[in-house]
PDB file of N, CA and C in Angstrom:
ATOM      1  N   MET A   1      74.103 -28.732 -12.027  1.00  0.00           N
ATOM      2  CA  MET A   1      72.998 -28.215 -12.897  1.00  0.00           C
ATOM      3  C   MET A   1      73.433 -26.405 -12.870  1.00  0.00           C
ATOM      4  N   ARG A   2      74.396 -26.094 -12.000  1.00  0.00           N
ATOM      5  CA  ARG A   2      74.254 -24.631 -12.217  1.00  0.00           C
ATOM      6  C   ARG A   2      74.750 -24.123 -13.682  1.00  0.00           C
ATOM      7  N   SER A   3      75.767 -25.094 -14.276  1.00  0.00           N
ATOM      8  CA  SER A   3      76.165 -24.559 -15.554  1.00  0.00           C
ATOM      9  C   SER A   3      75.152 -24.893 -16.397  1.00  0.00           C
ATOM     10  N   LYS A   4      74.327 -25.579 -16.101  1.00  0.00           N
ATOM     11  CA  LYS A   4      73.415 -26.301 -16.935  1.00  0.00           C
ATOM     12  C   LYS A   4      71.808 -26.078 -16.551  1.00  0.00           C
ATOM     13  N   PRO A   5      70.847 -24.662 -16.272  1.00  0.00           N
ATOM     14  CA  PRO A   5      70.006 -25.024 -15.240  1.00  0.00           C
ATOM     15  C   PRO A   5      69.128 -25.435 -15.892  1.00  0.00           C
ATOM     16  N   ASN A   6      68.359 -25.697 -17.463  1.00  0.00           N
ATOM     17  CA  ASN A   6      67.586 -25.998 -18.039  1.00  0.00           C
ATOM     18  C   ASN A   6      67.390 -27.369 -18.370  1.00  0.00           C
ATOM     19  N   ASP A   7      68.704 -28.141 -18.118  1.00  0.00           N
ATOM     20  CA  ASP A   7      68.538 -29.223 -18.247  1.00  0.00           C
ATOM     21  C   ASP A   7      67.760 -30.590 -17.548  1.00  0.00           C
ATOM     22  N   THR A   8      66.463 -30.569 -18.113  1.00  0.00           N
ATOM     23  CA  THR A   8      65.432 -31.864 -17.451  1.00  0.00           C
ATOM     24  C   THR A   8      66.309 -33.000 -16.925  1.00  0.00           C
ATOM     25  N   ALA A   9      66.771 -33.540 -17.910  1.00  0.00           N
ATOM     26  CA  ALA A   9      67.311 -34.852 -18.020  1.00  0.00           C
ATOM     27  C   ALA A   9      67.778 -34.751 -16.121  1.00  0.00           C
ATOM     28  N   LEU A  10      69.383 -33.735 -16.373  1.00  0.00           N
ATOM     29  CA  LEU A  10      70.037 -33.551 -15.238  1.00  0.00           C
ATOM     30  C   LEU A  10      69.461 -33.033 -13.833  1.00  0.00           C
ATOM     31  N   ARG A  11      68.733 -31.886 -14.603  1.00  0.00           N
ATOM     32  CA  ARG A  11      67.388 -32.507 -13.041  1.00  0.00           C
ATOM     33  C   ARG A  11      66.694 -33.555 -12.663  1.00  0.00           C
ATOM     34  N   SER A  12      66.259 -33.887 -13.758  1.00  0.00           N
ATOM     35  CA  SER A  12      65.669 -35.245 -13.039  1.00  0.00           C
ATOM     36  C   SER A  12      66.519 -36.065 -12.021  1.00  0.00           C
ATOM     37  N   ASN A  13      67.758 -36.462 -12.765  1.00  0.00           N
ATOM     38  CA  ASN A  13      68.549 -37.666 -12.327  1.00  0.00           C
ATOM     39  C   ASN A  13      69.150 -36.580 -10.863  1.00  0.00           C
ATOM     40  N   TYR A  14      69.086 -35.954 -10.694  1.00  0.00           N
ATOM     41  CA  TYR A  14      69.425 -34.884  -9.541  1.00  0.00           C
ATOM     42  C   TYR A  14      68.632 -35.395  -8.484  1.00  0.00           C
ATOM     43  N   ARG A  15      67.289 -35.117  -8.519  1.00  0.00           N
ATOM     44  CA  ARG A  15      66.128 -35.269  -8.005  1.00  0.00           C
ATOM     45  C   ARG A  15      66.115 -36.706  -7.646  1.00  0.00           C
ATOM     46  N   ARG A  16      66.568 -37.941  -8.697  1.00  0.00           N
ATOM     47  CA  ARG A  16      66.575 -38.907  -8.203  1.00  0.00           C
ATOM     48  C   ARG A  16      67.395 -39.291  -7.446  1.00  0.00           C
ATOM     49  N   LEU A  17      68.749 -38.800  -7.487  1.00  0.00           N
ATOM     50  CA  LEU A  17      69.439 -39.341  -6.809  1.00  0.00           C
ATOM     51  C   LEU A  17      69.107 -38.881  -5.210  1.00  0.00           C
ATOM     52  N   VAL A  18      68.631 -37.444  -4.693  1.00  0.00           N
ATOM     53  CA  VAL A  18      68.606 -37.187  -3.520  1.00  0.00           C
ATOM     54  C   VAL A  18      67.261 -37.869  -3.150  1.00  0.00           C
ATOM     55  N   TYR A  19      66.361 -38.589  -3.743  1.00  0.00           N
ATOM     56  CA  TYR A  19      65.378 -39.351  -3.468  1.00  0.00           C
ATOM     57  C   TYR A  19      66.182 -40.332  -2.557  1.00  0.00           C
ATOM     58  N   GLU A  20      67.076 -40.959  -3.387  1.00  0.00           N
ATOM     59  CA  GLU A  20      67.469 -42.258  -2.990  1.00  0.00           C
ATOM     60  C   GLU A  20      68.550 -42.318  -1.814  1.00  0.00           C
ATOM     61  N   CYS A  21      68.981 -40.927  -1.547  1.00  0.00           N
ATOM     62  CA  CYS A  21      69.892 -41.010  -0.913  1.00  0.00           C
ATOM     63  C   CYS A  21      69.159 -40.843   1.060  1.00  0.00           C
ATOM     64  N   ARG A  22      68.023 -40.168   0.475  1.00  0.00           N
ATOM     65  CA  ARG A  22      66.994 -39.627   1.808  1.00  0.00           C
ATOM     66  C   ARG A  22      66.740 -40.677   2.411  1.00  0.00           C
ATOM     67  N   GLU A  23      66.425 -41.825   1.467  1.00  0.00           N
ATOM     68  CA  GLU A  23      66.004 -43.327   1.347  1.00  0.00           C
ATOM     69  C   GLU A  23      66.904 -44.213   2.425  1.00  0.00           C
ATOM     70  N   ALA A  24      68.234 -43.909   1.778  1.00  0.00           N
ATOM     71  CA  ALA A  24      69.512 -44.607   2.494  1.00  0.00           C
ATOM     72  C   ALA A  24      68.986 -44.061   3.718  1.00  0.00           C
ATOM     73  N   ILE A  25      69.293 -42.987   3.681  1.00  0.00           N
ATOM     74  CA  ILE A  25      69.533 -42.316   5.377  1.00  0.00           C
ATOM     75  C   ILE A  25      68.186 -42.743   6.289  1.00  0.00           C
ATOM     76  N   LYS A  26      66.909 -42.746   5.773  1.00  0.00           N
ATOM     77  CA  LYS A  26      66.193 -43.223   6.666  1.00  0.00           C
ATOM     78  C   LYS A  26      66.477 -44.610   6.850  1.00  0.00           C
ATOM     79  N   ASP A  27      66.657 -45.385   6.032  1.00  0.00           N
ATOM     80  CA  ASP A  27      66.892 -46.923   6.452  1.00  0.00           C
ATOM     81  C   ASP A  27      68.068 -47.349   7.326  1.00  0.00           C
ATOM     82  N   TYR A  28      68.941 -46.237   7.358  1.00  0.00           N
ATOM     83  CA  TYR A  28      69.913 -46.745   8.190  1.00  0.00           C
ATOM     84  C   TYR A  28      69.426 -46.463   9.581  1.00  0.00           C
ATOM     85  N   GLU A  29      68.788 -45.355   9.431  1.00  0.00           N
ATOM     86  CA  GLU A  29      68.252 -44.742  10.858  1.00  0.00           C
ATOM     87  C   GLU A  29      67.327 -45.430  11.490  1.00  0.00           C
ATOM     88  N   ARG A  30      66.561 -46.258  10.986  1.00  0.00           N
ATOM     89  CA  ARG A  30      65.443 -47.569  10.867  1.00  0.00           C
ATOM     90  C   ARG A  30      66.105 -48.424  11.895  1.00  0.00           C
ATOM     91  N   SER A  31      67.168 -49.189  10.685  1.00  0.00           N
ATOM     92  CA  SER A  31      67.976 -50.100  11.246  1.00  0.00           C
ATOM     93  C   SER A  31      68.985 -49.984  12.744  1.00  0.00           C
ATOM     94  N   GLN A  32      69.338 -48.844  12.959  1.00  0.00           N
ATOM     95  CA  GLN A  32      69.816 -48.767  14.082  1.00  0.00           C
ATOM     96  C   GLN A  32      68.957 -48.566  15.112  1.00  0.00           C
ATOM     97  N   GLU A  33      67.726 -48.083  15.004  1.00  0.00           N
ATOM     98  CA  GLU A  33      66.604 -47.947  15.882  1.00  0.00           C
ATOM     99  C   GLU A  33      66.209 -49.209  16.356  1.00  0.00           C
ATOM    100  N   ALA A  34      66.325 -50.416  15.328  1.00  0.00           N
ATOM    101  CA  ALA A  34      65.829 -51.501  15.738  1.00  0.00           C
ATOM    102  C   ALA A  34      66.911 -52.044  16.383  1.00  0.00           C
ATOM    103  N   ASN A  35      67.961 -51.997  15.895  1.00  0.00           N
ATOM    104  CA  ASN A  35      69.214 -52.603  17.126  1.00  0.00           C
ATOM    105  C   ASN A  35      69.179 -52.276  18.429  1.00  0.00           C
ATOM    106  N   ILE A  36      68.910 -51.036  18.807  1.00  0.00           N
ATOM    107  CA  ILE A  36      68.686 -50.587  19.568  1.00  0.00           C
ATOM    108  C   ILE A  36      67.759 -51.449  20.271  1.00  0.00           C
ATOM    109  N   LEU A  37      66.421 -51.164  20.119  1.00  0.00           N
ATOM    110  CA  LEU A  37      65.342 -51.962  20.551  1.00  0.00           C
ATOM    111  C   LEU A  37      64.980 -53.468  20.699  1.00  0.00           C
ATOM    112  N   GLU A  38      66.049 -53.992  19.927  1.00  0.00           N
ATOM    113  CA  GLU A  38      66.565 -55.640  20.027  1.00  0.00           C
ATOM    114  C   GLU A  38      67.573 -56.010  21.120  1.00  0.00           C
ATOM    115  N   SER A  39      68.373 -54.957  21.221  1.00  0.00           N
ATOM    116  CA  SER A  39      69.437 -54.959  22.159  1.00  0.00           C
ATOM    117  C   SER A  39      68.997 -55.328  23.579  1.00  0.00           C
ATOM    118  N   GLN A  40      68.044 -54.781  23.807  1.00  0.00           N
ATOM    119  CA  GLN A  40      67.141 -54.712  24.879  1.00  0.00           C
ATOM    120  C   GLN A  40      68.100 -54.027  25.941  1.00  0.00           C
ATOM    121  N   ASN A  41      68.860 -53.632  25.519  1.00  0.00           N
ATOM    122  CA  ASN A  41      69.948 -52.526  26.821  1.00  0.00           C
ATOM    123  C   ASN A  41      69.422 -51.537  27.147  1.00  0.00           C
ATOM    124  N   VAL A  42      68.735 -51.236  28.297  1.00  0.00           N
ATOM    125  CA  VAL A  42      68.422 -50.156  29.081  1.00  0.00           C
ATOM    126  C   VAL A  42      69.498 -48.898  28.967  1.00  0.00           C
ATOM    127  N   SER A  43      70.147 -49.085  29.237  1.00  0.00           N
ATOM    128  CA  SER A  43      71.181 -47.781  28.990  1.00  0.00           C
ATOM    129  C   SER A  43      71.350 -47.040  27.670  1.00  0.00           C
ATOM    130  N   ALA A  44      71.097 -48.016  26.372  1.00  0.00           N
ATOM    131  CA  ALA A  44      71.620 -47.584  25.237  1.00  0.00           C
ATOM    132  C   ALA A  44      70.184 -47.303  25.024  1.00  0.00           C
ATOM    133  N   PHE A  45      69.265 -47.431  24.880  1.00  0.00           N
ATOM    134  CA  PHE A  45      68.118 -46.701  24.771  1.00  0.00           C
ATOM    135  C   PHE A  45      67.545 -45.926  25.558  1.00  0.00           C
ATOM    136  N   CYS A  46      67.946 -45.507  26.727  1.00  0.00           N
ATOM    137  CA  CYS A  46      67.927 -44.027  27.225  1.00  0.00           C
ATOM    138  C   CYS A  46      68.877 -42.863  26.660  1.00  0.00           C
ATOM    139  N   ARG A  47      69.996 -43.303  26.093  1.00  0.00           N
ATOM    140  CA  ARG A  47      70.837 -42.726  25.908  1.00  0.00           C
ATOM    141  C   ARG A  47      70.085 -42.159  24.226  1.00  0.00           C
ATOM    142  N   PHE A  48      69.676 -43.233  23.519  1.00  0.00           N
ATOM    143  CA  PHE A  48      69.061 -43.017  21.848  1.00  0.00           C
ATOM    144  C   PHE A  48      67.643 -42.075  22.190  1.00  0.00           C
ATOM    145  N   ILE A  49      67.141 -42.005  23.302  1.00  0.00           N
ATOM    146  CA  ILE A  49      65.726 -41.478  24.042  1.00  0.00           C
ATOM    147  C   ILE A  49      66.234 -39.746  24.121  1.00  0.00           C
ATOM    148  N   ASN A  50      67.340 -39.710  25.119  1.00  0.00           N
ATOM    149  CA  ASN A  50      68.041 -38.631  25.387  1.00  0.00           C
ATOM    150  C   ASN A  50      68.640 -37.853  24.315  1.00  0.00           C
ATOM    151  N   ARG A  51      68.703 -38.566  23.413  1.00  0.00           N
ATOM    152  CA  ARG A  51      69.386 -37.500  22.183  1.00  0.00           C
ATOM    153  C   ARG A  51      68.738 -37.723  21.277  1.00  0.00           C
ATOM    154  N   ARG A  52      67.552 -37.635  21.081  1.00  0.00           N
ATOM    155  CA  ARG A  52      66.206 -37.234  20.796  1.00  0.00           C
ATOM    156  C   ARG A  52      65.329 -36.446  20.467  1.00  0.00           C
ATOM    157  N   LEU A  53      65.380 -36.251  22.374  1.00  0.00           N
ATOM    158  CA  LEU A  53      64.998 -35.352  23.225  1.00  0.00           C
ATOM    159  C   LEU A  53      65.868 -34.235  23.361  1.00  0.00           C
ATOM    160  N   HIS A  54      67.222 -33.942  22.710  1.00  0.00           N
ATOM    161  CA  HIS A  54      67.478 -33.199  23.309  1.00  0.00           C
ATOM    162  C   HIS A  54      67.801 -32.208  21.874  1.00  0.00           C
ATOM    163  N   ASN A  55      68.171 -32.981  20.562  1.00  0.00           N
ATOM    164  CA  ASN A  55      68.706 -32.553  19.576  1.00  0.00           C
ATOM    165  C   ASN A  55      67.220 -31.923  18.753  1.00  0.00           C
ATOM    166  N   SER A  56      66.189 -31.738  19.275  1.00  0.00           N
ATOM    167  CA  SER A  56      64.737 -31.393  18.788  1.00  0.00           C
ATOM    168  C   SER A  56      64.928 -30.150  18.830  1.00  0.00           C
ATOM    169  N   ARG A  57      64.248 -29.632  17.534  1.00  0.00           N
ATOM    170  CA  ARG A  57      64.125 -28.152  17.726  1.00  0.00           C
ATOM    171  C   ARG A  57      63.151 -27.891  18.088  1.00  0.00           C
ATOM    172  N   PRO A  58      62.926 -25.913  18.563  1.00  0.00           N
ATOM    173  CA  PRO A  58      62.082 -25.706  19.260  1.00  0.00           C
ATOM    174  C   PRO A  58      60.912 -24.928  18.441  1.00  0.00           C
ATOM    175  N   ALA A  59      59.814 -24.801  18.983  1.00  0.00           N
ATOM    176  CA  ALA A  59      58.567 -24.245  17.979  1.00  0.00           C
ATOM    177  C   ALA A  59      59.029 -23.241  17.390  1.00  0.00           C
ATOM    178  N   PRO A  60      58.953 -23.172  15.970  1.00  0.00           N
ATOM    179  CA  PRO A  60      58.824 -21.964  15.490  1.00  0.00           C
ATOM    180  C   PRO A  60      58.174 -20.471  16.022  1.00  0.00           C
ATOM    181  N   VAL A  61      58.210 -19.394  15.373  1.00  0.00           N
ATOM    182  CA  VAL A  61      57.301 -17.932  16.354  1.00  0.00           C
ATOM    183  C   VAL A  61      56.332 -18.391  15.299  1.00  0.00           C
ATOM    184  N   LEU A  62      55.509 -18.085  16.243  1.00  0.00           N
ATOM    185  CA  LEU A  62      53.496 -18.148  15.656  1.00  0.00           C
ATOM    186  C   LEU A  62      53.293 -16.678  16.014  1.00  0.00           C
ATOM    187  N   LEU A  63      52.426 -16.370  14.761  1.00  0.00           N
ATOM    188  CA  LEU A  63      51.817 -15.389  14.936  1.00  0.00           C
ATOM    189  C   LEU A  63      50.283 -15.216  15.347  1.00  0.00           C
ATOM    190  N   LYS A  64      50.144 -14.551  16.209  1.00  0.00           N
ATOM    191  CA  LYS A  64      48.427 -14.189  16.347  1.00  0.00           C
ATOM    192  C   LYS A  64      48.002 -13.664  15.622  1.00  0.00           C
ATOM    193  N   ASP A  65      46.359 -13.902  15.965  1.00  0.00           N
ATOM    194  CA  ASP A  65      45.300 -13.001  15.396  1.00  0.00           C
ATOM    195  C   ASP A  65      45.766 -11.826  14.225  1.00  0.00           C
ATOM    196  N   ASP A  66      46.105 -10.950  15.376  1.00  0.00           N
ATOM    197  CA  ASP A  66      46.504  -9.825  15.165  1.00  0.00           C
ATOM    198  C   ASP A  66      47.855  -9.295  14.339  1.00  0.00           C
ATOM    199  N   GLY A  67      48.395 -10.674  13.949  1.00  0.00           N
ATOM    200  CA  GLY A  67      49.806 -10.667  13.320  1.00  0.00           C
ATOM    201  C   GLY A  67      50.946 -10.467  13.995  1.00  0.00           C
ATOM    202  N   LEU A  68      50.665 -10.159  15.004  1.00  0.00           N
ATOM    203  CA  LEU A  68      52.249 -10.288  16.101  1.00  0.00           C
ATOM    204  C   LEU A  68      52.676 -11.098  16.639  1.00  0.00           C
ATOM    205  N   PRO A  69      54.151 -11.639  16.368  1.00  0.00           N
ATOM    206  CA  PRO A  69      54.897 -12.745  16.770  1.00  0.00           C
ATOM    207  C   PRO A  69      54.408 -13.305  18.438  1.00  0.00           C
ATOM    208  N   VAL A  70      54.730 -14.368  18.348  1.00  0.00           N
ATOM    209  CA  VAL A  70      54.538 -14.945  19.680  1.00  0.00           C
ATOM    210  C   VAL A  70      55.767 -15.604  20.045  1.00  0.00           C
ATOM    211  N   HIS A  71      56.743 -15.783  21.270  1.00  0.00           N
ATOM    212  CA  HIS A  71      57.863 -16.082  21.049  1.00  0.00           C
ATOM    213  C   HIS A  71      58.368 -17.428  21.914  1.00  0.00           C
ATOM    214  N   THR A  72      57.422 -17.018  23.218  1.00  0.00           N
ATOM    215  CA  THR A  72      57.636 -17.969  24.698  1.00  0.00           C
ATOM    216  C   THR A  72      56.722 -18.851  24.120  1.00  0.00           C
ATOM    217  N   ASP A  73      56.953 -20.024  24.932  1.00  0.00           N
ATOM    218  CA  ASP A  73      56.806 -21.597  24.734  1.00  0.00           C
ATOM    219  C   ASP A  73      55.439 -21.354  25.444  1.00  0.00           C
ATOM    220  N   LEU A  74      55.242 -20.741  26.563  1.00  0.00           N
ATOM    221  CA  LEU A  74      53.541 -20.504  26.962  1.00  0.00           C
ATOM    222  C   LEU A  74      52.902 -19.825  26.171  1.00  0.00           C
ATOM    223  N   ASP A  75      52.843 -18.842  25.538  1.00  0.00           N
ATOM    224  CA  ASP A  75      52.097 -18.171  24.833  1.00  0.00           C
ATOM    225  C   ASP A  75      52.224 -18.703  23.621  1.00  0.00           C
ATOM    226  N   LYS A  76      53.076 -19.410  22.936  1.00  0.00           N
ATOM    227  CA  LYS A  76      52.612 -20.825  21.929  1.00  0.00           C
ATOM    228  C   LYS A  76      51.761 -21.608  22.157  1.00  0.00           C
ATOM    229  N   ALA A  77      52.078 -22.422  23.325  1.00  0.00           N
ATOM    230  CA  ALA A  77      50.831 -23.180  23.962  1.00  0.00           C
ATOM    231  C   ALA A  77      49.725 -22.813  24.107  1.00  0.00           C
ATOM    232  N   GLU A  78      49.436 -22.053  24.741  1.00  0.00           N
ATOM    233  CA  GLU A  78      48.183 -20.584  25.041  1.00  0.00           C
ATOM    234  C   GLU A  78      47.478 -20.325  23.246  1.00  0.00           C
ATOM    235  N   LEU A  79      48.022 -20.340  22.302  1.00  0.00           N
ATOM    236  CA  LEU A  79      47.879 -20.167  21.218  1.00  0.00           C
ATOM    237  C   LEU A  79      47.246 -21.522  20.534  1.00  0.00           C
ATOM    238  N   LEU A  80      48.191 -22.428  20.528  1.00  0.00           N
ATOM    239  CA  LEU A  80      48.034 -23.912  19.934  1.00  0.00           C
ATOM    240  C   LEU A  80      46.825 -24.660  20.231  1.00  0.00           C
ATOM    241  N   ILE A  81      46.518 -24.491  22.084  1.00  0.00           N
ATOM    242  CA  ILE A  81      45.381 -25.209  22.581  1.00  0.00           C
ATOM    243  C   ILE A  81      44.171 -25.259  21.748  1.00  0.00           C
ATOM    244  N   PRO A  82      43.789 -24.205  21.620  1.00  0.00           N
ATOM    245  CA  PRO A  82      42.199 -24.552  20.999  1.00  0.00           C
ATOM    246  C   PRO A  82      42.395 -25.015  19.534  1.00  0.00           C
ATOM    247  N   ILE A  83      43.267 -24.659  18.749  1.00  0.00           N
ATOM    248  CA  ILE A  83      43.499 -25.639  17.557  1.00  0.00           C
ATOM    249  C   ILE A  83      43.592 -27.052  17.952  1.00  0.00           C
ATOM    250  N   LEU A  84      44.215 -27.537  18.846  1.00  0.00           N
ATOM    251  CA  LEU A  84      44.703 -29.193  18.987  1.00  0.00           C
ATOM    252  C   LEU A  84      43.603 -29.602  19.810  1.00  0.00           C
ATOM    253  N   THR A  85      42.866 -28.953  20.634  1.00  0.00           N
ATOM    254  CA  THR A  85      41.671 -29.898  21.134  1.00  0.00           C
ATOM    255  C   THR A  85      40.161 -29.602  20.551  1.00  0.00           C
ATOM    256  N   GLN A  86      40.262 -29.057  19.114  1.00  0.00           N
ATOM    257  CA  GLN A  86      38.980 -29.490  17.971  1.00  0.00           C
ATOM    258  C   GLN A  86      38.908 -30.587  18.056  1.00  0.00           C
TER     259      GLN A  86
END
């Protein structure tokens, strides 16, 4: 794509392949999750849940009404509570 940035067919084909790749990854992850649930193996389920919890990203930096950033989890929670309780 870098050598032909204006080639719409190439761009379209690339986007289609990206979409197909993402869908294949999602399908694989869904099948792995289903296998863990269907196995009824408690330790495998706990490992799966712990991996999901520990691989999560922290909340991004939020801005207060005055434009100043909020960095701590407590300040972020206090900022989000009025929004989430509406």
